[in-house]
Amino acid sequence: MDLDSAFAALGDPVRRALVTRLARSDATVGELAAPFDLTSQAISHHVGVLRRCGLVEQRREGTRRPCRLRTDQLALLSTWIDDQRRTWADRLDALEQHLTGEGADR
């Protein structure tokens, strides 16, 4: 998965809403479009962006093409965010120790 394209895709509020909706259950483009004042074609474009970055997949079920959230790929984003959070928490702790003199040799 390309983290840059995934984060870029999630930068759009419509795509974040689609991910939130797909977290509940699979849905077709028509079902995903229902709460939006957007055409099915516009929603299909957003789904395509999410599909290309690996966050969503579509399958054929007769004439239906339900979309499914790839939670395994979402977990990769979560892991990256958690790693960043830990790194910055450690750095801020070290800075605090330095500023309060706890890390200084006495």
C-alpha atoms as a PDB file:
ATOM      1  CA  MET A   1       0.000   0.000   0.000  1.00  0.00           C
ATOM      2  CA  ASP A   2       1.197   3.486  -0.834  1.00  0.00           C
ATOM      3  CA  LEU A   3       0.743   5.529   2.345  1.00  0.00           C
ATOM      4  CA  ASP A   4       0.910   8.811   0.438  1.00  0.00           C
ATOM      5  CA  SER A   5      -1.977   7.918  -1.862  1.00  0.00           C
ATOM      6  CA  ALA A   6      -4.018   6.501   1.023  1.00  0.00           C
ATOM      7  CA  PHE A   7      -3.592   9.630   3.138  1.00  0.00           C
ATOM      8  CA  ALA A   8      -4.285  11.820   0.090  1.00  0.00           C
ATOM      9  CA  ALA A   9      -7.472   9.856  -0.572  1.00  0.00           C
ATOM     10  CA  LEU A  10      -8.569  10.291   3.041  1.00  0.00           C
ATOM     11  CA  GLY A  11      -7.935  14.030   2.787  1.00  0.00           C
ATOM     12  CA  ASP A  12     -11.317  14.360   1.082  1.00  0.00           C
ATOM     13  CA  PRO A  13     -14.339  14.547   3.440  1.00  0.00           C
ATOM     14  CA  VAL A  14     -16.585  12.567   1.075  1.00  0.00           C
ATOM     15  CA  ARG A  15     -14.084   9.714   0.928  1.00  0.00           C
ATOM     16  CA  ARG A  16     -13.704   9.734   4.719  1.00  0.00           C
ATOM     17  CA  ALA A  17     -17.499   9.511   4.982  1.00  0.00           C
ATOM     18  CA  LEU A  18     -17.503   6.589   2.537  1.00  0.00           C
ATOM     19  CA  VAL A  19     -14.879   4.785   4.627  1.00  0.00           C
ATOM     20  CA  THR A  20     -16.956   5.410   7.753  1.00  0.00           C
ATOM     21  CA  ARG A  21     -20.049   4.027   6.014  1.00  0.00           C
ATOM     22  CA  LEU A  22     -18.205   0.974   4.680  1.00  0.00           C
ATOM     23  CA  ALA A  23     -16.877   0.258   8.176  1.00  0.00           C
ATOM     24  CA  ARG A  24     -20.473  -0.679   9.083  1.00  0.00           C
ATOM     25  CA  SER A  25     -21.110  -2.987   6.109  1.00  0.00           C
ATOM     26  CA  ASP A  26     -20.549  -3.518   2.413  1.00  0.00           C
ATOM     27  CA  ALA A  27     -22.554  -1.279   0.072  1.00  0.00           C
ATOM     28  CA  THR A  28     -23.086  -0.601  -3.605  1.00  0.00           C
ATOM     29  CA  VAL A  29     -22.244   2.755  -5.160  1.00  0.00           C
ATOM     30  CA  GLY A  30     -25.965   3.549  -5.250  1.00  0.00           C
ATOM     31  CA  GLU A  31     -26.288   2.823  -1.538  1.00  0.00           C
ATOM     32  CA  LEU A  32     -23.192   4.893  -0.803  1.00  0.00           C
ATOM     33  CA  ALA A  33     -24.568   7.810  -2.848  1.00  0.00           C
ATOM     34  CA  ALA A  34     -27.923   7.937  -1.013  1.00  0.00           C
ATOM     35  CA  PRO A  35     -26.966  10.322   1.828  1.00  0.00           C
ATOM     36  CA  PHE A  36     -25.014  12.692  -0.444  1.00  0.00           C
ATOM     37  CA  ASP A  37     -26.146  15.404  -2.790  1.00  0.00           C
ATOM     38  CA  LEU A  38     -23.861  13.839  -5.407  1.00  0.00           C
ATOM     39  CA  THR A  39     -24.495  11.675  -8.434  1.00  0.00           C
ATOM     40  CA  SER A  40     -23.703   7.967  -8.433  1.00  0.00           C
ATOM     41  CA  GLN A  41     -21.021   8.812 -11.005  1.00  0.00           C
ATOM     42  CA  ALA A  42     -19.335  11.217  -8.567  1.00  0.00           C
ATOM     43  CA  ILE A  43     -19.485   8.632  -5.772  1.00  0.00           C
ATOM     44  CA  SER A  44     -18.123   6.034  -8.189  1.00  0.00           C
ATOM     45  CA  HIS A  45     -15.155   8.332  -8.833  1.00  0.00           C
ATOM     46  CA  HIS A  46     -14.496   8.609  -5.068  1.00  0.00           C
ATOM     47  CA  VAL A  47     -14.778   4.828  -4.721  1.00  0.00           C
ATOM     48  CA  GLY A  48     -12.270   4.486  -7.570  1.00  0.00           C
ATOM     49  CA  VAL A  49      -9.775   6.664  -5.712  1.00  0.00           C
ATOM     50  CA  LEU A  50     -10.234   4.548  -2.568  1.00  0.00           C
ATOM     51  CA  ARG A  51      -9.916   1.378  -4.636  1.00  0.00           C
ATOM     52  CA  ARG A  52      -6.695   2.495  -6.373  1.00  0.00           C
ATOM     53  CA  CYS A  53      -5.006   3.269  -3.062  1.00  0.00           C
ATOM     54  CA  GLY A  54      -6.048  -0.131  -1.681  1.00  0.00           C
ATOM     55  CA  LEU A  55      -8.597   0.908   0.952  1.00  0.00           C
ATOM     56  CA  VAL A  56     -11.677  -0.428  -0.858  1.00  0.00           C
ATOM     57  CA  GLU A  57     -12.363  -3.379  -3.105  1.00  0.00           C
ATOM     58  CA  GLN A  58     -15.349  -4.146  -5.297  1.00  0.00           C
ATOM     59  CA  ARG A  59     -16.639  -7.548  -6.304  1.00  0.00           C
ATOM     60  CA  ARG A  60     -19.310  -8.759  -8.706  1.00  0.00           C
ATOM     61  CA  GLU A  61     -22.448 -10.408  -7.362  1.00  0.00           C
ATOM     62  CA  GLY A  62     -24.592 -10.857 -10.459  1.00  0.00           C
ATOM     63  CA  THR A  63     -25.497  -7.334 -11.527  1.00  0.00           C
ATOM     64  CA  ARG A  64     -24.435  -5.803  -8.189  1.00  0.00           C
ATOM     65  CA  ARG A  65     -20.932  -4.557  -7.420  1.00  0.00           C
ATOM     66  CA  PRO A  66     -20.710  -4.129  -3.661  1.00  0.00           C
ATOM     67  CA  CYS A  67     -17.793  -2.249  -2.169  1.00  0.00           C
ATOM     68  CA  ARG A  68     -15.937  -3.555   0.857  1.00  0.00           C
ATOM     69  CA  LEU A  69     -13.541  -1.728   3.162  1.00  0.00           C
ATOM     70  CA  ARG A  70     -10.136  -3.391   3.349  1.00  0.00           C
ATOM     71  CA  THR A  71      -9.600  -3.171   7.085  1.00  0.00           C
ATOM     72  CA  ASP A  72      -6.192  -4.826   6.758  1.00  0.00           C
ATOM     73  CA  GLN A  73      -5.027  -1.836   4.720  1.00  0.00           C
ATOM     74  CA  LEU A  74      -6.630   0.586   7.161  1.00  0.00           C
ATOM     75  CA  ALA A  75      -4.682  -1.165   9.926  1.00  0.00           C
ATOM     76  CA  LEU A  76      -1.432  -0.328   8.100  1.00  0.00           C
ATOM     77  CA  LEU A  77      -2.336   3.365   8.282  1.00  0.00           C
ATOM     78  CA  SER A  78      -3.162   2.988  11.953  1.00  0.00           C
ATOM     79  CA  THR A  79       0.194   1.301  12.603  1.00  0.00           C
ATOM     80  CA  TRP A  80       2.050   4.151  10.896  1.00  0.00           C
ATOM     81  CA  ILE A  81       0.122   6.735  12.950  1.00  0.00           C
ATOM     82  CA  ASP A  82       0.777   4.821  16.186  1.00  0.00           C
ATOM     83  CA  ASP A  83       4.498   4.630  15.375  1.00  0.00           C
ATOM     84  CA  GLN A  84       4.589   8.393  14.801  1.00  0.00           C
ATOM     85  CA  ARG A  85       2.670   9.041  18.020  1.00  0.00           C
ATOM     86  CA  ARG A  86       5.129   6.897  20.016  1.00  0.00           C
ATOM     87  CA  THR A  87       8.151   8.569  18.423  1.00  0.00           C
ATOM     88  CA  TRP A  88       6.880  12.050  19.203  1.00  0.00           C
ATOM     89  CA  ALA A  89       5.796  11.114  22.730  1.00  0.00           C
ATOM     90  CA  ASP A  90       9.315   9.782  23.392  1.00  0.00           C
ATOM     91  CA  ARG A  91      10.882  12.947  21.968  1.00  0.00           C
ATOM     92  CA  LEU A  92       8.646  15.199  24.022  1.00  0.00           C
ATOM     93  CA  ASP A  93       9.374  13.170  27.168  1.00  0.00           C
ATOM     94  CA  ALA A  94      13.119  13.518  26.515  1.00  0.00           C
ATOM     95  CA  LEU A  95      12.721  17.260  25.974  1.00  0.00           C
ATOM     96  CA  GLU A  96      10.738  17.617  29.188  1.00  0.00           C
ATOM     97  CA  GLN A  97      13.412  15.705  31.113  1.00  0.00           C
ATOM     98  CA  HIS A  98      16.103  17.904  29.608  1.00  0.00           C
ATOM     99  CA  LEU A  99      14.233  21.120  30.428  1.00  0.00           C
ATOM    100  CA  THR A 100      13.458  20.120  33.999  1.00  0.00           C
ATOM    101  CA  GLY A 101      17.024  18.964  34.630  1.00  0.00           C
ATOM    102  CA  GLU A 102      16.079  15.325  35.175  1.00  0.00           C
ATOM    103  CA  GLY A 103      18.289  14.229  32.303  1.00  0.00           C
ATOM    104  CA  ALA A 104      21.281  16.362  33.287  1.00  0.00           C
ATOM    105  CA  ASP A 105      24.332  14.900  34.998  1.00  0.00           C
ATOM    106  CA  ARG A 106      24.696  16.253  38.499  1.00  0.00           C
END
